[in-house]
Amino acid sequence: LEKFGKAKSAAIIINKCIGHLPPLASDLVVASYIFGFKRDELAEIYGKTSSAISRTLSKAGNLLKICLRDIEHGT
């Protein structure tokens, strides 16, 4: 039960950080990492190049790391 509580807490924190991303970045993070869409599929859906999708996901990943670090340090 303790493991479930930790997982739930982590999910709440991750959702909060995803919510702070720019709209396209949050959509791409969810589509890619939660639903498993490939970069080329996302490029087609959003009318962007695969490299643009990759750059946006990379920036989103960096922003998520910063958000998670800030929450961990209480800022």
C-alpha atoms as a PDB file:
ATOM      1  CA  LEU A   1       0.000   0.000   0.000  1.00  0.00           C
ATOM      2  CA  GLU A   2       2.899   2.345   0.745  1.00  0.00           C
ATOM      3  CA  LYS A   3       4.244   1.726  -2.774  1.00  0.00           C
ATOM      4  CA  PHE A   4       0.877   2.773  -4.241  1.00  0.00           C
ATOM      5  CA  GLY A   5       0.901   5.981  -2.210  1.00  0.00           C
ATOM      6  CA  LYS A   6       4.356   6.895  -3.499  1.00  0.00           C
ATOM      7  CA  ALA A   7       3.332   6.157  -7.088  1.00  0.00           C
ATOM      8  CA  LYS A   8       0.193   8.269  -6.691  1.00  0.00           C
ATOM      9  CA  SER A   9       2.219  11.153  -5.239  1.00  0.00           C
ATOM     10  CA  ALA A  10       4.710  10.920  -8.113  1.00  0.00           C
ATOM     11  CA  ALA A  11       1.869  10.922 -10.667  1.00  0.00           C
ATOM     12  CA  ILE A  12       0.371  14.049  -9.105  1.00  0.00           C
ATOM     13  CA  ILE A  13       3.736  15.829  -9.266  1.00  0.00           C
ATOM     14  CA  ILE A  14       4.403  14.764 -12.865  1.00  0.00           C
ATOM     15  CA  ASN A  15       0.914  15.854 -13.938  1.00  0.00           C
ATOM     16  CA  LYS A  16       1.470  19.225 -12.286  1.00  0.00           C
ATOM     17  CA  CYS A  17       4.746  19.682 -14.167  1.00  0.00           C
ATOM     18  CA  ILE A  18       3.219  18.593 -17.490  1.00  0.00           C
ATOM     19  CA  GLY A  19       0.482  21.158 -16.862  1.00  0.00           C
ATOM     20  CA  HIS A  20       3.123  23.905 -16.669  1.00  0.00           C
ATOM     21  CA  LEU A  21       4.482  23.107 -20.137  1.00  0.00           C
ATOM     22  CA  PRO A  22       3.437  25.108 -23.204  1.00  0.00           C
ATOM     23  CA  PRO A  23       0.292  23.532 -24.743  1.00  0.00           C
ATOM     24  CA  LEU A  24       2.009  21.880 -27.731  1.00  0.00           C
ATOM     25  CA  ALA A  25       4.799  20.513 -25.549  1.00  0.00           C
ATOM     26  CA  SER A  26       2.368  19.015 -23.036  1.00  0.00           C
ATOM     27  CA  ASP A  27       0.309  17.459 -25.847  1.00  0.00           C
ATOM     28  CA  LEU A  28       3.433  15.931 -27.383  1.00  0.00           C
ATOM     29  CA  VAL A  29       4.698  14.575 -24.063  1.00  0.00           C
ATOM     30  CA  VAL A  30       1.391  12.859 -23.365  1.00  0.00           C
ATOM     31  CA  ALA A  31       0.974  11.580 -26.936  1.00  0.00           C
ATOM     32  CA  SER A  32       4.529  10.300 -27.117  1.00  0.00           C
ATOM     33  CA  TYR A  33       5.273   8.935 -23.662  1.00  0.00           C
ATOM     34  CA  ILE A  34       1.799   7.951 -22.477  1.00  0.00           C
ATOM     35  CA  PHE A  35       0.134   6.841 -25.718  1.00  0.00           C
ATOM     36  CA  GLY A  36       3.261   5.729 -27.579  1.00  0.00           C
ATOM     37  CA  PHE A  37       3.009   7.832 -30.731  1.00  0.00           C
ATOM     38  CA  LYS A  38       6.231   7.892 -32.760  1.00  0.00           C
ATOM     39  CA  ARG A  39       7.915  11.168 -33.773  1.00  0.00           C
ATOM     40  CA  ASP A  40       6.931  10.775 -37.426  1.00  0.00           C
ATOM     41  CA  GLU A  41       3.308  10.087 -36.458  1.00  0.00           C
ATOM     42  CA  LEU A  42       3.247  13.221 -34.302  1.00  0.00           C
ATOM     43  CA  ALA A  43       4.828  15.226 -37.124  1.00  0.00           C
ATOM     44  CA  GLU A  44       2.020  14.168 -39.446  1.00  0.00           C
ATOM     45  CA  ILE A  45      -0.698  14.860 -36.882  1.00  0.00           C
ATOM     46  CA  TYR A  46       0.645  18.310 -35.956  1.00  0.00           C
ATOM     47  CA  GLY A  47       1.869  19.325 -39.413  1.00  0.00           C
ATOM     48  CA  LYS A  48       5.479  19.697 -38.281  1.00  0.00           C
ATOM     49  CA  THR A  49       8.751  18.010 -39.175  1.00  0.00           C
ATOM     50  CA  SER A  50      10.001  15.056 -37.153  1.00  0.00           C
ATOM     51  CA  SER A  51      13.020  17.133 -36.134  1.00  0.00           C
ATOM     52  CA  ALA A  52      10.752  19.932 -34.869  1.00  0.00           C
ATOM     53  CA  ILE A  53       8.797  17.377 -32.833  1.00  0.00           C
ATOM     54  CA  SER A  54      12.047  15.965 -31.436  1.00  0.00           C
ATOM     55  CA  ARG A  55      13.292  19.449 -30.491  1.00  0.00           C
ATOM     56  CA  THR A  56      10.006  20.287 -28.770  1.00  0.00           C
ATOM     57  CA  LEU A  57      10.081  17.005 -26.834  1.00  0.00           C
ATOM     58  CA  SER A  58      13.696  17.581 -25.855  1.00  0.00           C
ATOM     59  CA  LYS A  59      12.896  21.081 -24.568  1.00  0.00           C
ATOM     60  CA  ALA A  60       9.826  19.707 -22.785  1.00  0.00           C
ATOM     61  CA  GLY A  61      11.995  17.075 -21.112  1.00  0.00           C
ATOM     62  CA  ASN A  62      14.376  19.747 -19.871  1.00  0.00           C
ATOM     63  CA  LEU A  63      11.478  21.841 -18.546  1.00  0.00           C
ATOM     64  CA  LEU A  64      10.053  18.781 -16.783  1.00  0.00           C
ATOM     65  CA  LYS A  65      13.412  18.081 -15.130  1.00  0.00           C
ATOM     66  CA  ILE A  66      13.573  21.685 -13.909  1.00  0.00           C
ATOM     67  CA  CYS A  67      10.012  21.543 -12.572  1.00  0.00           C
ATOM     68  CA  LEU A  68      10.604  18.232 -10.802  1.00  0.00           C
ATOM     69  CA  ARG A  69      13.873  19.516  -9.319  1.00  0.00           C
ATOM     70  CA  ASP A  70      12.140  22.683  -8.101  1.00  0.00           C
ATOM     71  CA  ILE A  71       9.348  20.674  -6.464  1.00  0.00           C
ATOM     72  CA  GLU A  72      11.900  18.342  -4.862  1.00  0.00           C
ATOM     73  CA  HIS A  73      13.699  21.356  -3.399  1.00  0.00           C
ATOM     74  CA  GLY A  74      10.463  23.038  -2.326  1.00  0.00           C
ATOM     75  CA  THR A  75      10.613  26.011  -4.674  1.00  0.00           C
END
